[in-house]
Amino acid sequence: MKLSAIERAALLLVDDDITFCQVLCRALEKRGFAVTVAHSVEQALPLAQADPPEYAIVDLKMGGESGLILIRALYELDPATRIVVLTGYASIATAVAAVKLGATQYLSKPANADEI
C-alpha cells in the first residue's frame, strides 16, 4: 500500500553531490518519505521556509554557505525537526557545533540509507 504525499513525512535532503542525492532520495522515498532535494544552503533555505520539513539530512561542506547555517535556520523554523548531519570531514568540533545548533544525529560519509 502506497502512502499519499500528505501521509508521508516531509524530508529535506541537502547535499552538493548530485549522484549521492539521487540514490539517497530514491532509497528514502521507498522508506515512505516525501523527499525534497536541494544542492546548497542557498537553495534549501527558501524551500524550508515555505514548508518546514519534519526531517532533514544536511551535508556540512558544500559550495557556498556551511550546512551549520542551515541547521540553525531549520531549528529556528521548527525545533521539532529531526536533523541528521552528514559529512566527509568529520571532527569532534563540528559534531559538537552541529548538535548545539539543533542537529539530532551526526554521521560520517559514506553512510547508507539504513544508517541514516
C-alpha atoms as a PDB file:
ATOM      1  CA  MET A   1       0.000   0.000   0.000  1.00  0.00           C
ATOM      2  CA  LYS A   2       1.486   3.348  -1.042  1.00  0.00           C
ATOM      3  CA  LEU A   3       1.083   6.343   1.205  1.00  0.00           C
ATOM      4  CA  SER A   4      -0.048   9.624  -0.273  1.00  0.00           C
ATOM      5  CA  ALA A   5       2.273  12.628  -0.040  1.00  0.00           C
ATOM      6  CA  ILE A   6       0.024  14.019   2.703  1.00  0.00           C
ATOM      7  CA  GLU A   7       0.573  10.944   4.898  1.00  0.00           C
ATOM      8  CA  ARG A   8       4.317  10.718   4.227  1.00  0.00           C
ATOM      9  CA  ALA A   9       6.801  12.575   6.420  1.00  0.00           C
ATOM     10  CA  ALA A  10       8.469  15.538   4.692  1.00  0.00           C
ATOM     11  CA  LEU A  11      12.246  15.220   4.437  1.00  0.00           C
ATOM     12  CA  LEU A  12      14.652  17.852   3.107  1.00  0.00           C
ATOM     13  CA  LEU A  13      17.859  16.388   1.654  1.00  0.00           C
ATOM     14  CA  VAL A  14      20.673  18.921   1.175  1.00  0.00           C
ATOM     15  CA  ASP A  15      23.960  17.805  -0.374  1.00  0.00           C
ATOM     16  CA  ASP A  16      26.065  19.126  -3.265  1.00  0.00           C
ATOM     17  CA  ASP A  17      26.791  15.591  -4.542  1.00  0.00           C
ATOM     18  CA  ILE A  18      24.051  15.171  -7.158  1.00  0.00           C
ATOM     19  CA  THR A  19      24.549  11.416  -7.653  1.00  0.00           C
ATOM     20  CA  PHE A  20      24.508  10.787  -3.901  1.00  0.00           C
ATOM     21  CA  CYS A  21      21.264  12.804  -3.642  1.00  0.00           C
ATOM     22  CA  GLN A  22      19.604  10.817  -6.427  1.00  0.00           C
ATOM     23  CA  VAL A  23      20.468   7.469  -4.843  1.00  0.00           C
ATOM     24  CA  LEU A  24      19.554   8.518  -1.302  1.00  0.00           C
ATOM     25  CA  CYS A  25      16.351  10.224  -2.469  1.00  0.00           C
ATOM     26  CA  ARG A  26      15.125   7.003  -4.110  1.00  0.00           C
ATOM     27  CA  ALA A  27      16.046   4.937  -1.036  1.00  0.00           C
ATOM     28  CA  LEU A  28      14.254   7.320   1.322  1.00  0.00           C
ATOM     29  CA  GLU A  29      11.155   7.521  -0.880  1.00  0.00           C
ATOM     30  CA  LYS A  30      10.976   3.706  -0.783  1.00  0.00           C
ATOM     31  CA  ARG A  31      11.007   4.014   3.014  1.00  0.00           C
ATOM     32  CA  GLY A  32       7.950   6.280   2.912  1.00  0.00           C
ATOM     33  CA  PHE A  33       9.391   9.800   2.991  1.00  0.00           C
ATOM     34  CA  ALA A  34       8.278  12.696   0.785  1.00  0.00           C
ATOM     35  CA  VAL A  35      11.759  13.961  -0.200  1.00  0.00           C
ATOM     36  CA  THR A  36      12.681  17.454  -1.377  1.00  0.00           C
ATOM     37  CA  VAL A  37      16.255  17.869  -2.641  1.00  0.00           C
ATOM     38  CA  ALA A  38      18.495  20.938  -2.626  1.00  0.00           C
ATOM     39  CA  HIS A  39      22.180  21.151  -3.534  1.00  0.00           C
ATOM     40  CA  SER A  40      23.160  24.164  -1.420  1.00  0.00           C
ATOM     41  CA  VAL A  41      22.130  26.062   1.687  1.00  0.00           C
ATOM     42  CA  GLU A  42      21.004  28.893  -0.580  1.00  0.00           C
ATOM     43  CA  GLN A  43      18.632  26.515  -2.440  1.00  0.00           C
ATOM     44  CA  ALA A  44      17.412  24.838   0.742  1.00  0.00           C
ATOM     45  CA  LEU A  45      16.509  27.896   2.826  1.00  0.00           C
ATOM     46  CA  PRO A  46      13.539  29.100   0.746  1.00  0.00           C
ATOM     47  CA  LEU A  47      12.246  25.523   0.461  1.00  0.00           C
ATOM     48  CA  ALA A  48      12.400  25.071   4.242  1.00  0.00           C
ATOM     49  CA  GLN A  49      10.827  28.469   4.909  1.00  0.00           C
ATOM     50  CA  ALA A  50       7.932  27.714   2.536  1.00  0.00           C
ATOM     51  CA  ASP A  51       7.292  24.281   4.077  1.00  0.00           C
ATOM     52  CA  PRO A  52       9.364  23.373   7.175  1.00  0.00           C
ATOM     53  CA  PRO A  53      10.269  19.672   6.960  1.00  0.00           C
ATOM     54  CA  GLU A  54       9.765  17.089   9.701  1.00  0.00           C
ATOM     55  CA  TYR A  55      13.195  15.638   8.873  1.00  0.00           C
ATOM     56  CA  ALA A  56      16.346  16.990   7.258  1.00  0.00           C
ATOM     57  CA  ILE A  57      19.608  15.467   6.091  1.00  0.00           C
ATOM     58  CA  VAL A  58      22.256  18.153   5.728  1.00  0.00           C
ATOM     59  CA  ASP A  59      25.811  17.967   4.382  1.00  0.00           C
ATOM     60  CA  LEU A  60      28.148  20.344   6.197  1.00  0.00           C
ATOM     61  CA  LYS A  61      30.656  21.168   3.454  1.00  0.00           C
ATOM     62  CA  MET A  62      29.091  22.426   0.226  1.00  0.00           C
ATOM     63  CA  GLY A  63      29.822  25.242  -2.176  1.00  0.00           C
ATOM     64  CA  GLY A  64      28.514  28.455  -0.627  1.00  0.00           C
ATOM     65  CA  GLU A  65      27.335  28.592   2.979  1.00  0.00           C
ATOM     66  CA  SER A  66      28.137  25.884   5.529  1.00  0.00           C
ATOM     67  CA  GLY A  67      25.458  23.366   6.451  1.00  0.00           C
ATOM     68  CA  LEU A  68      25.724  24.727  10.011  1.00  0.00           C
ATOM     69  CA  ILE A  69      23.875  27.854   8.811  1.00  0.00           C
ATOM     70  CA  LEU A  70      21.019  25.676   7.556  1.00  0.00           C
ATOM     71  CA  ILE A  71      20.886  23.638  10.770  1.00  0.00           C
ATOM     72  CA  ARG A  72      20.387  26.823  12.779  1.00  0.00           C
ATOM     73  CA  ALA A  73      17.704  28.078  10.362  1.00  0.00           C
ATOM     74  CA  LEU A  74      15.832  24.745  10.377  1.00  0.00           C
ATOM     75  CA  TYR A  75      15.882  24.625  14.158  1.00  0.00           C
ATOM     76  CA  GLU A  76      14.587  28.204  14.370  1.00  0.00           C
ATOM     77  CA  LEU A  77      11.758  27.380  11.920  1.00  0.00           C
ATOM     78  CA  ASP A  78      10.701  24.288  13.867  1.00  0.00           C
ATOM     79  CA  PRO A  79      12.640  22.956  16.887  1.00  0.00           C
ATOM     80  CA  ALA A  80      10.919  19.574  16.393  1.00  0.00           C
ATOM     81  CA  THR A  81      12.642  18.998  13.012  1.00  0.00           C
ATOM     82  CA  ARG A  82      14.884  15.935  13.288  1.00  0.00           C
ATOM     83  CA  ILE A  83      18.183  16.861  11.604  1.00  0.00           C
ATOM     84  CA  VAL A  84      20.853  14.373  10.552  1.00  0.00           C
ATOM     85  CA  VAL A  85      24.219  15.876   9.621  1.00  0.00           C
ATOM     86  CA  LEU A  86      26.327  14.053   7.035  1.00  0.00           C
ATOM     87  CA  THR A  87      29.902  14.981   6.346  1.00  0.00           C
ATOM     88  CA  GLY A  88      33.002  13.585   4.754  1.00  0.00           C
ATOM     89  CA  TYR A  89      35.047  15.851   7.043  1.00  0.00           C
ATOM     90  CA  ALA A  90      34.000  14.625  10.476  1.00  0.00           C
ATOM     91  CA  SER A  91      35.534  16.169  13.565  1.00  0.00           C
ATOM     92  CA  ILE A  92      34.531  16.387  17.200  1.00  0.00           C
ATOM     93  CA  ALA A  93      34.358  20.197  16.969  1.00  0.00           C
ATOM     94  CA  THR A  94      31.905  20.226  14.054  1.00  0.00           C
ATOM     95  CA  ALA A  95      29.838  17.432  15.633  1.00  0.00           C
ATOM     96  CA  VAL A  96      29.510  19.437  18.848  1.00  0.00           C
ATOM     97  CA  ALA A  97      28.680  22.621  16.918  1.00  0.00           C
ATOM     98  CA  ALA A  98      26.031  20.830  14.830  1.00  0.00           C
ATOM     99  CA  VAL A  99      24.340  19.297  17.879  1.00  0.00           C
ATOM    100  CA  LYS A 100      24.398  22.626  19.750  1.00  0.00           C
ATOM    101  CA  LEU A 101      22.632  24.230  16.766  1.00  0.00           C
ATOM    102  CA  GLY A 102      19.881  21.595  16.763  1.00  0.00           C
ATOM    103  CA  ALA A 103      21.134  18.505  14.922  1.00  0.00           C
ATOM    104  CA  THR A 104      19.767  15.204  16.194  1.00  0.00           C
ATOM    105  CA  GLN A 105      22.418  12.911  14.711  1.00  0.00           C
ATOM    106  CA  TYR A 106      25.874  13.271  13.139  1.00  0.00           C
ATOM    107  CA  LEU A 107      27.176  10.696  10.642  1.00  0.00           C
ATOM    108  CA  SER A 108      30.367  10.438   8.615  1.00  0.00           C
ATOM    109  CA  LYS A 109      30.205   9.727   4.890  1.00  0.00           C
ATOM    110  CA  PRO A 110      29.863   7.265   3.372  1.00  0.00           C
ATOM    111  CA  ALA A 111      26.564   6.425   5.087  1.00  0.00           C
ATOM    112  CA  ASN A 112      23.783   4.328   3.608  1.00  0.00           C
ATOM    113  CA  ALA A 113      20.029   4.856   3.882  1.00  0.00           C
ATOM    114  CA  ASP A 114      19.682   2.310   6.691  1.00  0.00           C
ATOM    115  CA  GLU A 115      22.238   4.132   8.846  1.00  0.00           C
ATOM    116  CA  ILE A 116      20.571   7.468   8.147  1.00  0.00           C
END
